[in-house]
Amino acid sequence: MNDTENPSGTLFRIMLREGYPRDFAALVTREMNTDYLARRMIAYVSRVGLIPPEEFADEMLAILEERDRLRAKHLAEEAQGKINEMIENGLNTD
């Protein structure tokens, strides 16, 4: 993949090259819609090659779950930071 190439497009082409059906590749690339997610799937499919679509989908769901956990963690950390700030500085009612 070169620097100007869209990771989702690269993922789509790799999946087709590995023998996955076009509709399945399109579905996966729609779900893996950020550069980070697409690159994770590129690494996975490049490493394991052709596996049953069910196993591939399981990995995709695991990556999406990890993303959701990280997002929730960051939101919780941000909220805790604001709570800590309120505890330290009190409530400004001005």
N, C-alpha and C. Protein backbone atom coordinates (compact mmCIF):
# COMPACT_ATOMS: atom_id res chain seq x y z
N MET A 1 0.86 -1.18 0.00
CA MET A 1 0.00 0.00 0.00
C MET A 1 0.89 1.23 0.00
N ASN A 2 0.67 2.16 -0.94
CA ASN A 2 1.46 3.39 -0.93
C ASN A 2 0.74 4.45 -0.11
N ASP A 3 1.42 5.57 0.14
CA ASP A 3 0.91 6.60 1.04
C ASP A 3 -0.37 7.28 0.55
N THR A 4 -0.61 7.28 -0.75
CA THR A 4 -1.78 7.98 -1.27
C THR A 4 -3.00 7.06 -1.41
N GLU A 5 -2.82 5.79 -1.15
CA GLU A 5 -3.88 4.82 -1.36
C GLU A 5 -4.81 4.75 -0.15
N ASN A 6 -6.09 4.61 -0.41
CA ASN A 6 -7.10 4.47 0.63
C ASN A 6 -7.02 3.07 1.22
N PRO A 7 -6.83 2.93 2.55
CA PRO A 7 -6.72 1.59 3.15
C PRO A 7 -7.95 0.72 2.90
N SER A 8 -9.14 1.31 2.87
CA SER A 8 -10.34 0.51 2.61
C SER A 8 -10.31 -0.09 1.21
N GLY A 9 -9.86 0.69 0.23
CA GLY A 9 -9.74 0.18 -1.13
C GLY A 9 -8.69 -0.93 -1.21
N THR A 10 -7.60 -0.75 -0.48
CA THR A 10 -6.56 -1.77 -0.45
C THR A 10 -7.11 -3.06 0.17
N LEU A 11 -7.84 -2.92 1.27
CA LEU A 11 -8.44 -4.09 1.92
C LEU A 11 -9.36 -4.81 0.94
N PHE A 12 -10.19 -4.07 0.24
CA PHE A 12 -11.12 -4.65 -0.73
C PHE A 12 -10.36 -5.46 -1.78
N ARG A 13 -9.32 -4.87 -2.36
CA ARG A 13 -8.55 -5.55 -3.40
C ARG A 13 -7.83 -6.79 -2.86
N ILE A 14 -7.28 -6.71 -1.65
CA ILE A 14 -6.61 -7.86 -1.05
C ILE A 14 -7.60 -9.00 -0.83
N MET A 15 -8.78 -8.65 -0.34
CA MET A 15 -9.79 -9.70 -0.11
C MET A 15 -10.20 -10.37 -1.41
N LEU A 16 -10.37 -9.59 -2.47
CA LEU A 16 -10.71 -10.18 -3.77
C LEU A 16 -9.57 -11.08 -4.25
N ARG A 17 -8.35 -10.61 -4.09
CA ARG A 17 -7.18 -11.39 -4.52
C ARG A 17 -7.09 -12.71 -3.75
N GLU A 18 -7.48 -12.68 -2.46
CA GLU A 18 -7.42 -13.89 -1.64
C GLU A 18 -8.56 -14.84 -1.94
N GLY A 19 -9.56 -14.38 -2.71
CA GLY A 19 -10.63 -15.27 -3.13
C GLY A 19 -11.96 -15.07 -2.43
N TYR A 20 -12.09 -14.02 -1.63
CA TYR A 20 -13.37 -13.76 -0.97
C TYR A 20 -14.37 -13.21 -1.99
N PRO A 21 -15.66 -13.53 -1.80
CA PRO A 21 -16.68 -12.99 -2.71
C PRO A 21 -16.72 -11.45 -2.65
N ARG A 22 -17.03 -10.84 -3.77
CA ARG A 22 -17.07 -9.38 -3.89
C ARG A 22 -18.05 -8.77 -2.87
N ASP A 23 -19.23 -9.37 -2.71
CA ASP A 23 -20.21 -8.83 -1.77
C ASP A 23 -19.69 -8.86 -0.33
N PHE A 24 -19.01 -9.94 0.02
CA PHE A 24 -18.44 -10.06 1.37
C PHE A 24 -17.35 -9.01 1.57
N ALA A 25 -16.49 -8.84 0.57
CA ALA A 25 -15.42 -7.84 0.67
C ALA A 25 -16.01 -6.43 0.80
N ALA A 26 -17.08 -6.16 0.07
CA ALA A 26 -17.73 -4.84 0.16
C ALA A 26 -18.32 -4.62 1.54
N LEU A 27 -18.95 -5.65 2.11
CA LEU A 27 -19.52 -5.55 3.45
C LEU A 27 -18.43 -5.28 4.48
N VAL A 28 -17.35 -6.02 4.40
CA VAL A 28 -16.24 -5.84 5.36
C VAL A 28 -15.67 -4.43 5.25
N THR A 29 -15.44 -3.96 4.05
CA THR A 29 -14.83 -2.63 3.90
C THR A 29 -15.78 -1.52 4.34
N ARG A 30 -17.09 -1.75 4.24
CA ARG A 30 -18.05 -0.76 4.77
C ARG A 30 -17.97 -0.70 6.30
N GLU A 31 -17.80 -1.85 6.93
CA GLU A 31 -17.73 -1.90 8.40
C GLU A 31 -16.38 -1.39 8.91
N MET A 32 -15.33 -1.70 8.20
CA MET A 32 -13.99 -1.28 8.59
C MET A 32 -13.71 0.06 7.92
N ASN A 33 -14.42 1.09 8.36
CA ASN A 33 -14.51 2.34 7.62
C ASN A 33 -13.54 3.44 8.03
N THR A 34 -12.58 3.11 8.87
CA THR A 34 -11.53 4.09 9.17
C THR A 34 -10.19 3.50 8.73
N ASP A 35 -9.21 4.37 8.56
CA ASP A 35 -7.88 3.89 8.16
C ASP A 35 -7.35 2.88 9.17
N TYR A 36 -7.53 3.15 10.47
CA TYR A 36 -7.03 2.27 11.52
C TYR A 36 -7.66 0.88 11.40
N LEU A 37 -8.99 0.83 11.28
CA LEU A 37 -9.68 -0.46 11.20
C LEU A 37 -9.30 -1.21 9.93
N ALA A 38 -9.26 -0.49 8.81
CA ALA A 38 -8.90 -1.13 7.54
C ALA A 38 -7.48 -1.68 7.60
N ARG A 39 -6.57 -0.94 8.19
CA ARG A 39 -5.18 -1.42 8.30
C ARG A 39 -5.08 -2.65 9.19
N ARG A 40 -5.88 -2.69 10.26
CA ARG A 40 -5.89 -3.89 11.13
C ARG A 40 -6.35 -5.10 10.34
N MET A 41 -7.39 -4.94 9.53
CA MET A 41 -7.89 -6.06 8.74
C MET A 41 -6.91 -6.44 7.63
N ILE A 42 -6.22 -5.45 7.05
CA ILE A 42 -5.20 -5.74 6.04
C ILE A 42 -4.11 -6.61 6.66
N ALA A 43 -3.67 -6.23 7.84
CA ALA A 43 -2.64 -7.02 8.52
C ALA A 43 -3.13 -8.44 8.77
N TYR A 44 -4.37 -8.56 9.19
CA TYR A 44 -4.92 -9.88 9.48
C TYR A 44 -5.02 -10.73 8.23
N VAL A 45 -5.65 -10.22 7.19
CA VAL A 45 -5.85 -11.02 5.98
C VAL A 45 -4.50 -11.31 5.30
N SER A 46 -3.55 -10.40 5.42
CA SER A 46 -2.23 -10.64 4.84
C SER A 46 -1.50 -11.76 5.59
N ARG A 47 -1.77 -11.85 6.88
CA ARG A 47 -1.10 -12.84 7.71
C ARG A 47 -1.73 -14.22 7.56
N VAL A 48 -3.07 -14.31 7.52
CA VAL A 48 -3.71 -15.62 7.54
C VAL A 48 -4.13 -16.13 6.16
N GLY A 49 -4.25 -15.25 5.19
CA GLY A 49 -4.68 -15.69 3.87
C GLY A 49 -6.16 -16.05 3.85
N LEU A 50 -6.53 -16.96 2.99
CA LEU A 50 -7.93 -17.32 2.80
C LEU A 50 -8.38 -18.27 3.92
N ILE A 51 -9.35 -17.81 4.69
CA ILE A 51 -9.99 -18.64 5.71
C ILE A 51 -11.50 -18.54 5.47
N PRO A 52 -12.28 -19.39 6.10
CA PRO A 52 -13.74 -19.28 5.90
C PRO A 52 -14.25 -17.89 6.28
N PRO A 53 -15.24 -17.39 5.53
CA PRO A 53 -15.77 -16.06 5.83
C PRO A 53 -16.24 -15.91 7.28
N GLU A 54 -16.73 -16.99 7.89
CA GLU A 54 -17.18 -16.93 9.28
C GLU A 54 -16.03 -16.58 10.22
N GLU A 55 -14.89 -17.18 10.01
CA GLU A 55 -13.71 -16.87 10.83
C GLU A 55 -13.24 -15.44 10.59
N PHE A 56 -13.29 -15.04 9.33
CA PHE A 56 -12.89 -13.68 8.97
C PHE A 56 -13.81 -12.69 9.67
N ALA A 57 -15.12 -12.97 9.62
CA ALA A 57 -16.10 -12.08 10.26
C ALA A 57 -15.88 -12.03 11.77
N ASP A 58 -15.52 -13.15 12.38
CA ASP A 58 -15.23 -13.17 13.82
C ASP A 58 -14.09 -12.21 14.16
N GLU A 59 -13.04 -12.22 13.34
CA GLU A 59 -11.92 -11.31 13.58
C GLU A 59 -12.36 -9.87 13.40
N MET A 60 -13.16 -9.61 12.38
CA MET A 60 -13.66 -8.25 12.16
C MET A 60 -14.45 -7.78 13.37
N LEU A 61 -15.31 -8.63 13.90
CA LEU A 61 -16.10 -8.27 15.08
C LEU A 61 -15.21 -8.05 16.30
N ALA A 62 -14.16 -8.84 16.44
CA ALA A 62 -13.23 -8.67 17.55
C ALA A 62 -12.52 -7.31 17.46
N ILE A 63 -12.14 -6.92 16.26
CA ILE A 63 -11.48 -5.62 16.07
C ILE A 63 -12.46 -4.49 16.37
N LEU A 64 -13.71 -4.63 15.93
CA LEU A 64 -14.71 -3.60 16.22
C LEU A 64 -15.00 -3.52 17.72
N GLU A 65 -15.04 -4.66 18.41
CA GLU A 65 -15.23 -4.66 19.87
C GLU A 65 -14.08 -3.95 20.56
N GLU A 66 -12.86 -4.22 20.11
CA GLU A 66 -11.69 -3.56 20.70
C GLU A 66 -11.79 -2.04 20.51
N ARG A 67 -12.20 -1.62 19.33
CA ARG A 67 -12.38 -0.19 19.08
C ARG A 67 -13.41 0.40 20.04
N ASP A 68 -14.52 -0.30 20.22
CA ASP A 68 -15.56 0.19 21.12
C ASP A 68 -15.08 0.26 22.56
N ARG A 69 -14.30 -0.74 22.99
CA ARG A 69 -13.74 -0.71 24.36
C ARG A 69 -12.79 0.46 24.54
N LEU A 70 -11.94 0.70 23.54
CA LEU A 70 -11.00 1.82 23.64
C LEU A 70 -11.74 3.16 23.66
N ARG A 71 -12.77 3.26 22.85
CA ARG A 71 -13.58 4.49 22.82
C ARG A 71 -14.22 4.72 24.19
N ALA A 72 -14.80 3.68 24.78
CA ALA A 72 -15.44 3.79 26.09
C ALA A 72 -14.41 4.14 27.16
N LYS A 73 -13.23 3.56 27.07
CA LYS A 73 -12.16 3.84 28.04
C LYS A 73 -11.76 5.31 27.97
N HIS A 74 -11.60 5.83 26.77
CA HIS A 74 -11.21 7.23 26.61
C HIS A 74 -12.30 8.17 27.13
N LEU A 75 -13.55 7.83 26.87
CA LEU A 75 -14.65 8.66 27.38
C LEU A 75 -14.68 8.63 28.91
N ALA A 76 -14.47 7.46 29.48
CA ALA A 76 -14.47 7.35 30.95
C ALA A 76 -13.31 8.13 31.55
N GLU A 77 -12.15 8.06 30.92
CA GLU A 77 -10.99 8.81 31.42
C GLU A 77 -11.23 10.31 31.34
N GLU A 78 -11.85 10.75 30.26
CA GLU A 78 -12.15 12.17 30.12
C GLU A 78 -13.16 12.62 31.18
N ALA A 79 -14.18 11.81 31.39
CA ALA A 79 -15.18 12.14 32.42
C ALA A 79 -14.55 12.16 33.80
N GLN A 80 -13.69 11.20 34.09
CA GLN A 80 -13.02 11.16 35.40
C GLN A 80 -12.13 12.38 35.57
N GLY A 81 -11.49 12.83 34.51
CA GLY A 81 -10.67 14.03 34.58
C GLY A 81 -11.50 15.25 34.94
N LYS A 82 -12.67 15.36 34.35
CA LYS A 82 -13.55 16.49 34.65
C LYS A 82 -14.06 16.41 36.09
N ILE A 83 -14.37 15.22 36.56
CA ILE A 83 -14.80 15.04 37.95
C ILE A 83 -13.67 15.44 38.90
N ASN A 84 -12.48 15.00 38.60
CA ASN A 84 -11.32 15.36 39.44
C ASN A 84 -11.11 16.87 39.47
N GLU A 85 -11.28 17.50 38.32
CA GLU A 85 -11.14 18.95 38.25
C GLU A 85 -12.19 19.64 39.10
N MET A 86 -13.42 19.15 39.06
CA MET A 86 -14.48 19.73 39.89
C MET A 86 -14.19 19.53 41.37
N ILE A 87 -13.65 18.38 41.73
CA ILE A 87 -13.32 18.12 43.14
C ILE A 87 -12.22 19.06 43.60
N GLU A 88 -11.22 19.27 42.77
CA GLU A 88 -10.10 20.13 43.12
C GLU A 88 -10.49 21.60 43.16
N ASN A 89 -11.31 22.04 42.21
CA ASN A 89 -11.59 23.48 42.07
C ASN A 89 -12.98 23.87 42.55
N GLY A 90 -13.81 22.92 42.89
CA GLY A 90 -15.17 23.23 43.29
C GLY A 90 -15.99 23.59 42.07
N LEU A 91 -17.27 23.84 42.32
CA LEU A 91 -18.17 24.24 41.23
C LEU A 91 -18.14 25.74 41.08
N ASN A 92 -17.86 26.21 39.90
CA ASN A 92 -17.93 27.63 39.62
C ASN A 92 -19.36 27.97 39.23
N THR A 93 -20.04 28.72 40.07
CA THR A 93 -21.41 29.09 39.77
C THR A 93 -21.51 30.51 39.26
N ASP A 94 -20.36 31.08 38.93
CA ASP A 94 -20.35 32.46 38.43
C ASP A 94 -20.85 32.52 37.02
